[in-house]
Amino acid sequence: MLKIALTSYALEDLSYVDALLFAAANGFDAFEVNLYFPAIDLDNWNWNEIEAIKKIARDEEIEISVHAAFYELNMAAFFKGIREESVRYIIKSIDLCHEIGGEVVTVHPGKFTYEIEPGASPETDPLMKIQWDHNIESLKRINTYAESKAITLCLENLGWNEVAQSFEDMKKIRNEVGDTLQFTLDLGHARIKSEGGVEEGFRVLGDNIRHIHLSDNYGKEDDHLPIGEGDTDFSSFFHLIKDFPHIVTLEIEAPGPDTSPILKSLAYLRELERNLGSS
C-alpha cells in the first residue's frame, strides 16, 4: 500500500498542527512540513508547536518529512555571505526535522544567478562552473550535517535556472557530494521539463529515489494542481510508483477553506492503487 503524505503547503491557512490533525483524520499516512515564511521562523522556533507535532505524529502513527527552506536562498550564489546564510537555514531545517522525528529532508539545488544560454554548461561557461562548484561545496556541508543527525538529504529535481538542469546533472552532483545523498523525484516537475520526463526520471535516478512529490498540471507550468484538475495521465506511469516503499507526497495547492480537492486527490490515488496496484 502506498504511503501517501499531505504537504502542509496544501493547507497554508492552517498551522502545522491543525494541518497535521487534518491529515491524520482523513487517512493520510505521512505529512510533509514545508518550511516557508510566515508559517515558521527558523531562528525562533515555537517549541509548543514542535512538541504538539511530535505527539500527534506518534499517537496517530503519521510519518513526518520536511521540505527545507528555499525562498530567497541560494547555496550556489557568487557571494559567500548569501551562500553561508542559505546553508545555515537549510541546516536549521535539518535540525527541525530531527526535533520532530522526521527522517527525510528535501532540498532544492542552488540557482544560476544569470539566465543561462541554451547549450551552455559548466564545462563551457566559467561563471556556471563557479556556481556549480559552490553548489557542490554547500551540499557537501549540508549532507555531512544531515548524516550526523541520521537524516536522509534528498535533492529535488527542478530544472529551470537551477544548477541541476537534468537528471544526469543530479547524478553528477551525487557523485561529487557522496553516495548518502538521495533524490526527491517531483513528478510534476519531471513532466514539464523540456528534456526527460517521468519515466526518464525513474530510469536515471533509480534506486536512489527516496521521496516522491506528486501534483497535477498541464505540462507547461508547475501548477501544483490537485489530482484531476490538470491533464496528467497518472495511470500511464502508476506502475513506476505502485511498489514505492517510501513516502509519496501530494504536493498540491488548495487555497481557501474548501478541502474537497485534497480529499478527492487522495481518493484518486487510492482508486488507482486498487485498480492498477496488482497489475
C-alpha atoms as a PDB file:
ATOM      1  CA  MET A   1       0.000   0.000   0.000  1.00  0.00           C
ATOM      2  CA  LEU A   2       1.333   3.415  -0.930  1.00  0.00           C
ATOM      3  CA  LYS A   3       2.489   5.628   1.923  1.00  0.00           C
ATOM      4  CA  ILE A   4       0.745   8.867   0.929  1.00  0.00           C
ATOM      5  CA  ALA A   5       1.573  12.172   2.584  1.00  0.00           C
ATOM      6  CA  LEU A   6      -0.042  15.583   2.532  1.00  0.00           C
ATOM      7  CA  THR A   7       2.130  18.679   2.369  1.00  0.00           C
ATOM      8  CA  SER A   8       1.401  21.434   4.871  1.00  0.00           C
ATOM      9  CA  TYR A   9       1.504  23.794   1.894  1.00  0.00           C
ATOM     10  CA  ALA A  10      -1.869  22.431   0.764  1.00  0.00           C
ATOM     11  CA  LEU A  11      -3.397  23.913   3.911  1.00  0.00           C
ATOM     12  CA  GLU A  12      -1.310  27.047   4.198  1.00  0.00           C
ATOM     13  CA  ASP A  13      -4.053  28.920   6.066  1.00  0.00           C
ATOM     14  CA  LEU A  14      -3.746  26.419   8.917  1.00  0.00           C
ATOM     15  CA  SER A  15      -0.976  25.969  11.448  1.00  0.00           C
ATOM     16  CA  TYR A  16       1.269  22.943  11.062  1.00  0.00           C
ATOM     17  CA  VAL A  17      -0.533  21.335  13.993  1.00  0.00           C
ATOM     18  CA  ASP A  18      -4.017  21.814  12.524  1.00  0.00           C
ATOM     19  CA  ALA A  19      -2.853  20.690   9.072  1.00  0.00           C
ATOM     20  CA  LEU A  20      -1.316  17.568  10.606  1.00  0.00           C
ATOM     21  CA  LEU A  21      -4.534  16.848  12.503  1.00  0.00           C
ATOM     22  CA  PHE A  22      -6.439  17.155   9.208  1.00  0.00           C
ATOM     23  CA  ALA A  23      -4.043  14.719   7.527  1.00  0.00           C
ATOM     24  CA  ALA A  24      -4.389  12.216  10.364  1.00  0.00           C
ATOM     25  CA  ALA A  25      -8.183  12.474  10.441  1.00  0.00           C
ATOM     26  CA  ASN A  26      -8.502  11.902   6.703  1.00  0.00           C
ATOM     27  CA  GLY A  27      -6.410   8.809   6.155  1.00  0.00           C
ATOM     28  CA  PHE A  28      -3.010  10.168   5.180  1.00  0.00           C
ATOM     29  CA  ASP A  29      -0.058   8.006   6.191  1.00  0.00           C
ATOM     30  CA  ALA A  30       2.504  10.810   6.354  1.00  0.00           C
ATOM     31  CA  PHE A  31       2.883  14.569   6.452  1.00  0.00           C
ATOM     32  CA  GLU A  32       5.399  16.949   4.888  1.00  0.00           C
ATOM     33  CA  VAL A  33       6.274  20.041   6.915  1.00  0.00           C
ATOM     34  CA  ASN A  34       7.039  22.654   4.259  1.00  0.00           C
ATOM     35  CA  LEU A  35       9.208  25.397   5.755  1.00  0.00           C
ATOM     36  CA  TYR A  36       8.181  28.803   4.431  1.00  0.00           C
ATOM     37  CA  PHE A  37       7.502  32.256   5.833  1.00  0.00           C
ATOM     38  CA  PRO A  38       5.345  33.155   7.733  1.00  0.00           C
ATOM     39  CA  ALA A  39       4.448  29.608   8.798  1.00  0.00           C
ATOM     40  CA  ILE A  40       7.729  29.301  10.679  1.00  0.00           C
ATOM     41  CA  ASP A  41      10.648  31.411  11.804  1.00  0.00           C
ATOM     42  CA  LEU A  42      13.632  29.063  11.763  1.00  0.00           C
ATOM     43  CA  ASP A  43      15.520  31.386  14.114  1.00  0.00           C
ATOM     44  CA  ASN A  44      12.724  31.411  16.681  1.00  0.00           C
ATOM     45  CA  TRP A  45      11.044  28.018  16.950  1.00  0.00           C
ATOM     46  CA  ASN A  46       7.677  27.561  18.588  1.00  0.00           C
ATOM     47  CA  TRP A  47       8.546  24.723  20.958  1.00  0.00           C
ATOM     48  CA  ASN A  48       4.917  24.154  21.927  1.00  0.00           C
ATOM     49  CA  GLU A  49       4.130  23.557  18.246  1.00  0.00           C
ATOM     50  CA  ILE A  50       7.097  21.202  17.880  1.00  0.00           C
ATOM     51  CA  GLU A  51       6.032  19.139  20.875  1.00  0.00           C
ATOM     52  CA  ALA A  52       2.450  19.007  19.549  1.00  0.00           C
ATOM     53  CA  ILE A  53       3.636  17.786  16.131  1.00  0.00           C
ATOM     54  CA  LYS A  54       5.744  15.066  17.769  1.00  0.00           C
ATOM     55  CA  LYS A  55       2.836  13.899  19.923  1.00  0.00           C
ATOM     56  CA  ILE A  56       0.285  13.805  17.094  1.00  0.00           C
ATOM     57  CA  ALA A  57       2.707  12.006  14.767  1.00  0.00           C
ATOM     58  CA  ARG A  58       3.447   9.430  17.453  1.00  0.00           C
ATOM     59  CA  ASP A  59      -0.157   8.934  18.561  1.00  0.00           C
ATOM     60  CA  GLU A  60      -1.572   8.767  15.021  1.00  0.00           C
ATOM     61  CA  GLU A  61       1.402   6.854  13.561  1.00  0.00           C
ATOM     62  CA  ILE A  62       1.985   9.551  10.960  1.00  0.00           C
ATOM     63  CA  GLU A  63       5.427   9.624   9.349  1.00  0.00           C
ATOM     64  CA  ILE A  64       6.978  13.087   9.100  1.00  0.00           C
ATOM     65  CA  SER A  65       9.241  14.558   6.433  1.00  0.00           C
ATOM     66  CA  VAL A  66      10.472  18.124   5.941  1.00  0.00           C
ATOM     67  CA  HIS A  67      10.852  20.322   2.896  1.00  0.00           C
ATOM     68  CA  ALA A  68      13.811  22.572   3.639  1.00  0.00           C
ATOM     69  CA  ALA A  69      13.525  26.336   3.376  1.00  0.00           C
ATOM     70  CA  PHE A  70      14.231  27.656  -0.120  1.00  0.00           C
ATOM     71  CA  TYR A  71      12.604  31.068  -0.609  1.00  0.00           C
ATOM     72  CA  GLU A  72      15.299  33.762  -1.008  1.00  0.00           C
ATOM     73  CA  LEU A  73      18.067  31.208  -0.581  1.00  0.00           C
ATOM     74  CA  ASN A  74      20.813  30.212  -2.997  1.00  0.00           C
ATOM     75  CA  MET A  75      23.542  27.812  -1.897  1.00  0.00           C
ATOM     76  CA  ALA A  76      25.320  28.390  -5.250  1.00  0.00           C
ATOM     77  CA  ALA A  77      25.402  32.204  -5.009  1.00  0.00           C
ATOM     78  CA  PHE A  78      28.531  34.080  -6.037  1.00  0.00           C
ATOM     79  CA  PHE A  79      28.658  35.990  -2.746  1.00  0.00           C
ATOM     80  CA  LYS A  80      29.874  33.949   0.195  1.00  0.00           C
ATOM     81  CA  GLY A  81      27.528  35.643   2.661  1.00  0.00           C
ATOM     82  CA  ILE A  82      24.458  34.566   0.695  1.00  0.00           C
ATOM     83  CA  ARG A  83      25.775  31.005   0.457  1.00  0.00           C
ATOM     84  CA  GLU A  84      26.522  30.885   4.174  1.00  0.00           C
ATOM     85  CA  GLU A  85      23.050  32.065   5.152  1.00  0.00           C
ATOM     86  CA  SER A  86      21.489  29.619   2.710  1.00  0.00           C
ATOM     87  CA  VAL A  87      23.451  26.723   4.186  1.00  0.00           C
ATOM     88  CA  ARG A  88      22.594  27.896   7.700  1.00  0.00           C
ATOM     89  CA  TYR A  89      18.859  27.919   7.009  1.00  0.00           C
ATOM     90  CA  ILE A  90      18.936  24.507   5.388  1.00  0.00           C
ATOM     91  CA  ILE A  91      20.870  23.141   8.358  1.00  0.00           C
ATOM     92  CA  LYS A  92      18.227  24.693  10.619  1.00  0.00           C
ATOM     93  CA  SER A  93      15.653  22.809   8.509  1.00  0.00           C
ATOM     94  CA  ILE A  94      17.532  19.577   9.224  1.00  0.00           C
ATOM     95  CA  ASP A  95      17.594  20.416  12.927  1.00  0.00           C
ATOM     96  CA  LEU A  96      13.834  20.905  12.881  1.00  0.00           C
ATOM     97  CA  CYS A  97      13.306  17.588  11.093  1.00  0.00           C
ATOM     98  CA  HIS A  98      15.437  15.886  13.736  1.00  0.00           C
ATOM     99  CA  GLU A  99      13.468  17.530  16.555  1.00  0.00           C
ATOM    100  CA  ILE A 100      10.058  16.454  15.240  1.00  0.00           C
ATOM    101  CA  GLY A 101      11.143  12.893  14.494  1.00  0.00           C
ATOM    102  CA  GLY A 102      11.431  13.033  10.715  1.00  0.00           C
ATOM    103  CA  GLU A 103      13.948  11.097   8.664  1.00  0.00           C
ATOM    104  CA  VAL A 104      13.936  12.838   5.269  1.00  0.00           C
ATOM    105  CA  VAL A 105      14.644  16.432   4.227  1.00  0.00           C
ATOM    106  CA  THR A 106      14.009  17.558   0.658  1.00  0.00           C
ATOM    107  CA  VAL A 107      16.334  20.314  -0.554  1.00  0.00           C
ATOM    108  CA  HIS A 108      16.426  22.411  -3.712  1.00  0.00           C
ATOM    109  CA  PRO A 109      19.706  22.770  -5.598  1.00  0.00           C
ATOM    110  CA  GLY A 110      21.320  26.180  -5.876  1.00  0.00           C
ATOM    111  CA  LYS A 111      20.450  28.507  -8.744  1.00  0.00           C
ATOM    112  CA  PHE A 112      22.436  30.130 -11.505  1.00  0.00           C
ATOM    113  CA  THR A 113      22.413  33.876 -10.913  1.00  0.00           C
ATOM    114  CA  TYR A 114      22.185  34.715 -14.601  1.00  0.00           C
ATOM    115  CA  GLU A 115      19.767  33.265 -17.132  1.00  0.00           C
ATOM    116  CA  ILE A 116      21.765  30.565 -18.827  1.00  0.00           C
ATOM    117  CA  GLU A 117      22.098  30.411 -22.592  1.00  0.00           C
ATOM    118  CA  PRO A 118      20.776  27.346 -24.457  1.00  0.00           C
ATOM    119  CA  GLY A 119      23.523  24.767 -24.756  1.00  0.00           C
ATOM    120  CA  ALA A 120      25.749  26.385 -22.135  1.00  0.00           C
ATOM    121  CA  SER A 121      27.262  24.190 -19.429  1.00  0.00           C
ATOM    122  CA  PRO A 122      29.745  24.429 -16.553  1.00  0.00           C
ATOM    123  CA  GLU A 123      32.288  22.865 -18.914  1.00  0.00           C
ATOM    124  CA  THR A 124      31.991  25.791 -21.373  1.00  0.00           C
ATOM    125  CA  ASP A 125      30.905  28.750 -19.207  1.00  0.00           C
ATOM    126  CA  PRO A 126      33.310  29.863 -16.428  1.00  0.00           C
ATOM    127  CA  LEU A 127      30.574  31.581 -14.401  1.00  0.00           C
ATOM    128  CA  MET A 128      28.407  28.466 -14.485  1.00  0.00           C
ATOM    129  CA  LYS A 129      31.423  26.434 -13.335  1.00  0.00           C
ATOM    130  CA  ILE A 130      31.923  28.728 -10.335  1.00  0.00           C
ATOM    131  CA  GLN A 131      28.305  28.269  -9.290  1.00  0.00           C
ATOM    132  CA  TRP A 132      28.387  24.525  -9.947  1.00  0.00           C
ATOM    133  CA  ASP A 133      31.355  24.242  -7.586  1.00  0.00           C
ATOM    134  CA  HIS A 134      29.672  26.427  -4.975  1.00  0.00           C
ATOM    135  CA  ASN A 135      26.601  24.200  -5.135  1.00  0.00           C
ATOM    136  CA  ILE A 136      28.726  21.090  -4.599  1.00  0.00           C
ATOM    137  CA  GLU A 137      30.649  22.647  -1.708  1.00  0.00           C
ATOM    138  CA  SER A 138      27.431  23.728   0.025  1.00  0.00           C
ATOM    139  CA  LEU A 139      25.715  20.379  -0.479  1.00  0.00           C
ATOM    140  CA  LYS A 140      28.720  18.503   0.903  1.00  0.00           C
ATOM    141  CA  ARG A 141      28.480  20.507   4.119  1.00  0.00           C
ATOM    142  CA  ILE A 142      24.714  20.118   4.350  1.00  0.00           C
ATOM    143  CA  ASN A 143      24.774  16.406   3.591  1.00  0.00           C
ATOM    144  CA  THR A 144      27.517  15.749   6.151  1.00  0.00           C
ATOM    145  CA  TYR A 145      25.448  17.562   8.752  1.00  0.00           C
ATOM    146  CA  ALA A 146      22.331  15.597   7.788  1.00  0.00           C
ATOM    147  CA  GLU A 147      24.276  12.345   8.239  1.00  0.00           C
ATOM    148  CA  SER A 148      25.281  13.429  11.748  1.00  0.00           C
ATOM    149  CA  LYS A 149      21.575  13.766  12.601  1.00  0.00           C
ATOM    150  CA  ALA A 150      20.591  10.462  10.930  1.00  0.00           C
ATOM    151  CA  ILE A 151      18.603  12.431   8.333  1.00  0.00           C
ATOM    152  CA  THR A 152      18.496  11.478   4.639  1.00  0.00           C
ATOM    153  CA  LEU A 153      19.026  14.533   2.458  1.00  0.00           C
ATOM    154  CA  CYS A 154      17.124  14.344  -0.843  1.00  0.00           C
ATOM    155  CA  LEU A 155      17.959  16.633  -3.757  1.00  0.00           C
ATOM    156  CA  GLU A 156      14.843  17.610  -5.731  1.00  0.00           C
ATOM    157  CA  ASN A 157      14.604  17.967  -9.499  1.00  0.00           C
ATOM    158  CA  LEU A 158      13.517  21.404 -10.684  1.00  0.00           C
ATOM    159  CA  GLY A 159      15.367  22.190 -13.919  1.00  0.00           C
ATOM    160  CA  TRP A 160      14.561  25.844 -14.607  1.00  0.00           C
ATOM    161  CA  ASN A 161      17.560  28.019 -13.772  1.00  0.00           C
ATOM    162  CA  GLU A 162      18.801  25.658 -11.081  1.00  0.00           C
ATOM    163  CA  VAL A 163      22.301  24.222 -11.121  1.00  0.00           C
ATOM    164  CA  ALA A 164      20.857  20.733 -11.684  1.00  0.00           C
ATOM    165  CA  GLN A 165      19.481  21.159 -15.179  1.00  0.00           C
ATOM    166  CA  SER A 166      18.758  17.496 -15.818  1.00  0.00           C
ATOM    167  CA  PHE A 167      18.514  14.114 -14.151  1.00  0.00           C
ATOM    168  CA  GLU A 168      22.027  13.411 -15.346  1.00  0.00           C
ATOM    169  CA  ASP A 169      23.202  16.568 -13.577  1.00  0.00           C
ATOM    170  CA  MET A 170      21.609  15.266 -10.393  1.00  0.00           C
ATOM    171  CA  LYS A 171      23.605  12.039 -10.713  1.00  0.00           C
ATOM    172  CA  LYS A 172      26.805  14.044 -11.280  1.00  0.00           C
ATOM    173  CA  ILE A 173      26.084  16.113  -8.177  1.00  0.00           C
ATOM    174  CA  ARG A 174      25.558  12.953  -6.106  1.00  0.00           C
ATOM    175  CA  ASN A 175      28.814  11.505  -7.426  1.00  0.00           C
ATOM    176  CA  GLU A 176      30.654  14.606  -6.178  1.00  0.00           C
ATOM    177  CA  VAL A 177      28.762  15.076  -2.906  1.00  0.00           C
ATOM    178  CA  GLY A 178      28.671  11.444  -1.779  1.00  0.00           C
ATOM    179  CA  ASP A 179      26.510   8.355  -2.087  1.00  0.00           C
ATOM    180  CA  THR A 180      24.435   9.120   1.018  1.00  0.00           C
ATOM    181  CA  LEU A 181      22.779  11.959  -0.926  1.00  0.00           C
ATOM    182  CA  GLN A 182      19.460  10.733  -2.279  1.00  0.00           C
ATOM    183  CA  PHE A 183      16.744  12.202  -4.503  1.00  0.00           C
ATOM    184  CA  THR A 184      13.230  13.565  -4.293  1.00  0.00           C
ATOM    185  CA  LEU A 185      11.615  12.981  -7.685  1.00  0.00           C
ATOM    186  CA  ASP A 186       8.934  15.585  -8.320  1.00  0.00           C
ATOM    187  CA  LEU A 187       6.692  14.069 -10.984  1.00  0.00           C
ATOM    188  CA  GLY A 188       5.045  17.401 -11.785  1.00  0.00           C
ATOM    189  CA  HIS A 189       8.436  18.984 -12.446  1.00  0.00           C
ATOM    190  CA  ALA A 190       9.575  15.956 -14.445  1.00  0.00           C
ATOM    191  CA  ARG A 191       6.527  16.198 -16.676  1.00  0.00           C
ATOM    192  CA  ILE A 192       7.118  19.796 -17.749  1.00  0.00           C
ATOM    193  CA  LYS A 193      10.845  19.551 -18.376  1.00  0.00           C
ATOM    194  CA  SER A 194      11.904  20.060 -21.977  1.00  0.00           C
ATOM    195  CA  GLU A 195      14.120  17.007 -21.633  1.00  0.00           C
ATOM    196  CA  GLY A 196      13.414  13.866 -19.679  1.00  0.00           C
ATOM    197  CA  GLY A 197      10.004  13.168 -18.236  1.00  0.00           C
ATOM    198  CA  VAL A 198       8.624  10.952 -15.512  1.00  0.00           C
ATOM    199  CA  GLU A 199       9.876   7.647 -16.894  1.00  0.00           C
ATOM    200  CA  GLU A 200      13.306   9.128 -17.593  1.00  0.00           C
ATOM    201  CA  GLY A 201      13.485  10.359 -14.010  1.00  0.00           C
ATOM    202  CA  PHE A 202      12.852   6.877 -12.682  1.00  0.00           C
ATOM    203  CA  ARG A 203      15.326   5.360 -15.145  1.00  0.00           C
ATOM    204  CA  VAL A 204      18.194   7.735 -14.351  1.00  0.00           C
ATOM    205  CA  LEU A 205      17.720   8.261 -10.610  1.00  0.00           C
ATOM    206  CA  GLY A 206      16.581   4.692  -9.966  1.00  0.00           C
ATOM    207  CA  ASP A 207      17.156   3.181  -6.549  1.00  0.00           C
ATOM    208  CA  ASN A 208      18.373   6.495  -5.131  1.00  0.00           C
ATOM    209  CA  ILE A 209      14.869   7.984  -5.219  1.00  0.00           C
ATOM    210  CA  ARG A 210      13.934   8.255  -1.547  1.00  0.00           C
ATOM    211  CA  HIS A 211      10.904  10.553  -1.773  1.00  0.00           C
ATOM    212  CA  ILE A 212       8.303  11.463  -4.391  1.00  0.00           C
ATOM    213  CA  HIS A 213       6.303  14.656  -4.913  1.00  0.00           C
ATOM    214  CA  LEU A 214       3.123  14.363  -6.911  1.00  0.00           C
ATOM    215  CA  SER A 215       0.732  17.001  -8.290  1.00  0.00           C
ATOM    216  CA  ASP A 216      -1.202  17.778 -11.464  1.00  0.00           C
ATOM    217  CA  ASN A 217      -0.510  20.336 -14.209  1.00  0.00           C
ATOM    218  CA  TYR A 218      -0.994  20.929 -17.932  1.00  0.00           C
ATOM    219  CA  GLY A 219       2.568  20.091 -18.920  1.00  0.00           C
ATOM    220  CA  LYS A 220       3.709  23.726 -19.173  1.00  0.00           C
ATOM    221  CA  GLU A 221       3.892  25.224 -15.683  1.00  0.00           C
ATOM    222  CA  ASP A 222       4.471  23.884 -12.175  1.00  0.00           C
ATOM    223  CA  ASP A 223       0.829  24.479 -11.217  1.00  0.00           C
ATOM    224  CA  HIS A 224       0.694  22.170  -8.170  1.00  0.00           C
ATOM    225  CA  LEU A 225      -2.918  21.405  -9.024  1.00  0.00           C
ATOM    226  CA  PRO A 226      -5.000  18.835  -7.156  1.00  0.00           C
ATOM    227  CA  ILE A 227      -5.177  15.499  -8.938  1.00  0.00           C
ATOM    228  CA  GLY A 228      -7.702  15.619 -11.766  1.00  0.00           C
ATOM    229  CA  GLU A 229      -7.564  19.381 -12.287  1.00  0.00           C
ATOM    230  CA  GLY A 230      -4.825  19.144 -14.928  1.00  0.00           C
ATOM    231  CA  ASP A 231      -4.264  16.741 -17.826  1.00  0.00           C
ATOM    232  CA  THR A 232      -1.722  14.346 -16.297  1.00  0.00           C
ATOM    233  CA  ASP A 233      -2.434  10.707 -17.069  1.00  0.00           C
ATOM    234  CA  PHE A 234      -1.305   9.199 -13.793  1.00  0.00           C
ATOM    235  CA  SER A 235      -2.321   5.724 -14.880  1.00  0.00           C
ATOM    236  CA  SER A 236       0.385   5.817 -17.580  1.00  0.00           C
ATOM    237  CA  PHE A 237       3.196   5.781 -15.015  1.00  0.00           C
ATOM    238  CA  PHE A 238       1.492   4.363 -11.938  1.00  0.00           C
ATOM    239  CA  HIS A 239       3.376   1.103 -12.448  1.00  0.00           C
ATOM    240  CA  LEU A 240       6.537   3.024 -11.560  1.00  0.00           C
ATOM    241  CA  ILE A 241       5.291   4.110  -8.138  1.00  0.00           C
ATOM    242  CA  LYS A 242       2.899   1.350  -7.084  1.00  0.00           C
ATOM    243  CA  ASP A 243       5.591  -0.535  -5.140  1.00  0.00           C
ATOM    244  CA  PHE A 244       7.491   2.526  -3.914  1.00  0.00           C
ATOM    245  CA  PRO A 245       8.366   1.810  -0.260  1.00  0.00           C
ATOM    246  CA  HIS A 246       8.845   5.407   0.861  1.00  0.00           C
ATOM    247  CA  ILE A 247       6.649   8.498   1.111  1.00  0.00           C
ATOM    248  CA  VAL A 248       4.678   9.844  -1.861  1.00  0.00           C
ATOM    249  CA  THR A 249       3.679  13.420  -1.006  1.00  0.00           C
ATOM    250  CA  LEU A 250       0.660  15.121  -2.514  1.00  0.00           C
ATOM    251  CA  GLU A 251       2.373  18.465  -3.020  1.00  0.00           C
ATOM    252  CA  ILE A 252      -0.715  20.317  -4.157  1.00  0.00           C
ATOM    253  CA  GLU A 253      -2.091  23.795  -3.597  1.00  0.00           C
ATOM    254  CA  ALA A 254      -5.718  24.024  -2.499  1.00  0.00           C
ATOM    255  CA  PRO A 255      -6.212  27.603  -1.278  1.00  0.00           C
ATOM    256  CA  GLY A 256      -9.278  28.584   0.667  1.00  0.00           C
ATOM    257  CA  PRO A 257     -11.495  26.717   3.094  1.00  0.00           C
ATOM    258  CA  ASP A 258     -12.651  24.022   0.647  1.00  0.00           C
ATOM    259  CA  THR A 259     -10.663  20.868   1.403  1.00  0.00           C
ATOM    260  CA  SER A 260     -12.537  18.643  -1.054  1.00  0.00           C
ATOM    261  CA  PRO A 261      -9.780  18.870  -3.745  1.00  0.00           C
ATOM    262  CA  ILE A 262      -7.342  17.393  -1.232  1.00  0.00           C
ATOM    263  CA  LEU A 263      -9.652  14.522  -0.340  1.00  0.00           C
ATOM    264  CA  LYS A 264     -10.506  13.887  -3.994  1.00  0.00           C
ATOM    265  CA  SER A 265      -6.784  13.714  -4.798  1.00  0.00           C
ATOM    266  CA  LEU A 266      -6.221  11.128  -2.091  1.00  0.00           C
ATOM    267  CA  ALA A 267      -9.246   9.126  -3.237  1.00  0.00           C
ATOM    268  CA  TYR A 268      -7.983   9.228  -6.835  1.00  0.00           C
ATOM    269  CA  LEU A 269      -4.630   7.720  -5.829  1.00  0.00           C
ATOM    270  CA  ARG A 270      -6.261   5.038  -3.700  1.00  0.00           C
ATOM    271  CA  GLU A 271      -8.551   4.139  -6.599  1.00  0.00           C
ATOM    272  CA  LEU A 272      -5.549   3.839  -8.925  1.00  0.00           C
ATOM    273  CA  GLU A 273      -3.914   1.626  -6.336  1.00  0.00           C
ATOM    274  CA  ARG A 274      -6.944  -0.643  -6.176  1.00  0.00           C
ATOM    275  CA  ASN A 275      -7.295  -0.881  -9.937  1.00  0.00           C
ATOM    276  CA  LEU A 276      -3.648  -0.955 -11.032  1.00  0.00           C
ATOM    277  CA  GLY A 277      -1.681  -1.872  -7.943  1.00  0.00           C
ATOM    278  CA  SER A 278      -1.524  -5.575  -8.742  1.00  0.00           C
ATOM    279  CA  SER A 279      -1.153  -5.247 -12.496  1.00  0.00           C
END
